[in-house]
Protein backbone atom coordinates (compact mmCIF):
# COMPACT_ATOMS: atom_id res chain seq x y z
CA MET A 1 -11.36 -45.24 -79.71
CA ALA A 2 -13.23 -41.94 -80.00
CA LEU A 3 -14.72 -41.21 -83.40
CA SER A 4 -13.42 -38.33 -85.47
CA ILE A 5 -16.49 -36.16 -86.01
CA THR A 6 -16.32 -33.67 -88.87
CA ASP A 7 -18.51 -31.11 -90.58
CA THR A 8 -19.19 -33.70 -93.29
CA ASN A 9 -19.89 -36.84 -91.21
CA PHE A 10 -21.78 -35.21 -88.29
CA ALA A 11 -25.24 -35.85 -89.76
CA GLU A 12 -24.47 -39.50 -90.50
CA LEU A 13 -22.76 -40.37 -87.20
CA VAL A 14 -24.40 -38.10 -84.63
CA GLU A 15 -27.48 -36.17 -85.69
CA ASN A 16 -30.00 -39.02 -85.73
CA SER A 17 -28.41 -41.20 -83.07
CA ASP A 18 -30.65 -42.80 -80.48
CA LYS A 19 -27.63 -43.12 -78.19
CA PRO A 20 -26.20 -40.42 -75.92
CA VAL A 21 -23.46 -38.42 -77.65
CA VAL A 22 -20.33 -36.82 -76.17
CA LEU A 23 -18.42 -34.38 -78.39
CA ASP A 24 -14.97 -33.19 -77.36
CA PHE A 25 -14.07 -29.95 -79.17
CA TRP A 26 -10.27 -29.71 -79.23
CA ALA A 27 -7.20 -28.59 -81.18
CA GLU A 28 -3.72 -30.05 -81.63
CA TRP A 29 -2.03 -26.95 -80.18
CA CYS A 30 -4.22 -26.87 -77.04
CA GLY A 31 -2.45 -28.07 -73.86
CA PRO A 32 -5.60 -28.63 -71.75
CA CYS A 33 -7.10 -30.55 -74.70
CA ARG A 34 -4.20 -33.00 -74.54
CA MET A 35 -4.78 -33.38 -70.79
CA ILE A 36 -8.44 -34.34 -71.25
CA ALA A 37 -7.82 -36.60 -74.28
CA PRO A 38 -7.12 -39.77 -72.21
CA HIS A 39 -10.45 -39.27 -70.39
CA ILE A 40 -12.30 -39.09 -73.71
CA GLU A 41 -10.56 -42.23 -74.99
CA LYS A 42 -11.35 -44.13 -71.76
CA MET A 43 -15.01 -43.13 -72.06
CA ALA A 44 -15.03 -44.24 -75.71
CA ASN A 45 -13.72 -47.66 -74.68
CA ASP A 46 -15.93 -48.01 -71.59
CA TYR A 47 -19.14 -46.96 -73.37
CA GLU A 48 -18.54 -48.61 -76.74
CA GLY A 49 -21.88 -49.62 -78.22
CA ARG A 50 -23.83 -47.66 -75.59
CA ALA A 51 -22.84 -44.09 -76.45
CA ILE A 52 -21.16 -42.17 -79.25
CA ILE A 53 -17.96 -40.52 -78.07
CA GLY A 54 -16.39 -38.23 -80.64
CA LYS A 55 -13.68 -35.63 -81.06
CA VAL A 56 -14.14 -32.48 -83.15
CA ASP A 57 -10.99 -30.67 -84.27
CA VAL A 58 -12.03 -26.99 -84.13
CA ASP A 59 -9.38 -25.91 -86.63
CA ASN A 60 -10.71 -28.25 -89.33
CA ASN A 61 -14.46 -28.15 -88.58
CA PRO A 62 -15.63 -24.54 -88.37
CA ALA A 63 -19.28 -25.32 -89.10
CA LEU A 64 -19.69 -27.64 -86.10
CA THR A 65 -17.67 -25.31 -83.89
CA ALA A 66 -20.03 -22.45 -84.81
CA LYS A 67 -23.18 -24.62 -84.60
CA PHE A 68 -22.43 -25.45 -80.97
CA GLY A 69 -21.13 -21.98 -80.09
CA VAL A 70 -17.74 -23.26 -78.96
CA ARG A 71 -15.51 -20.33 -77.97
CA ASN A 72 -13.09 -22.01 -75.56
CA ILE A 73 -11.43 -25.40 -75.75
CA PRO A 74 -11.57 -28.02 -74.58
CA THR A 75 -15.36 -27.96 -74.57
CA VAL A 76 -17.22 -31.22 -74.10
CA ILE A 77 -20.86 -31.21 -75.15
CA PHE A 78 -23.33 -33.90 -74.09
CA LEU A 79 -26.28 -34.58 -76.40
CA LYS A 80 -29.42 -36.65 -75.95
CA GLY A 81 -31.97 -36.90 -78.73
CA GLY A 82 -30.01 -34.37 -80.74
CA GLU A 83 -30.34 -31.70 -78.03
CA ILE A 84 -27.62 -30.33 -75.79
CA SER A 85 -28.20 -31.62 -72.28
CA ASP A 86 -24.93 -30.54 -70.64
CA LYS A 87 -21.59 -28.91 -71.34
CA ALA A 88 -18.15 -28.85 -69.72
CA VAL A 89 -15.50 -26.24 -70.53
CA GLY A 90 -11.85 -26.71 -69.61
CA ASN A 91 -10.00 -29.65 -68.17
CA MET A 92 -12.00 -31.73 -65.73
CA PRO A 93 -11.66 -35.07 -63.96
CA LEU A 94 -12.80 -38.26 -65.64
CA ALA A 95 -15.35 -38.87 -62.86
CA SER A 96 -17.08 -35.55 -63.62
CA LEU A 97 -17.33 -36.33 -67.33
CA VAL A 98 -18.64 -39.84 -66.64
CA ALA A 99 -21.26 -38.47 -64.22
CA LYS A 100 -22.53 -36.10 -66.91
CA LEU A 101 -22.71 -38.96 -69.44
CA GLU A 102 -24.45 -41.31 -66.98
CA LYS A 103 -27.28 -38.77 -66.56
CA LEU A 104 -28.16 -39.32 -70.24
CA PHE A 105 -29.07 -43.00 -69.82
């Protein structure tokens, strides 16, 4: 299951991670976000222990949303060593998201 990443737990769960990180910026009211949600959950299950897969609710976490410059949702940000290495905006196939994550290993 994807982790719930918030303004308050980001530093603890993500900032100093030595694993690749995938952050899905979403909102409850966002249709395309609901379409991509099963892909994020599958990645969380498939990469458990190897990568951090998290979801950031933009309505409840304005600091993270601003930090990463998220203007459209869903936005999926890929981090390695705390730095943004890739980004995907809008709904996209699972294979495309997995390919972006695999590049981080």
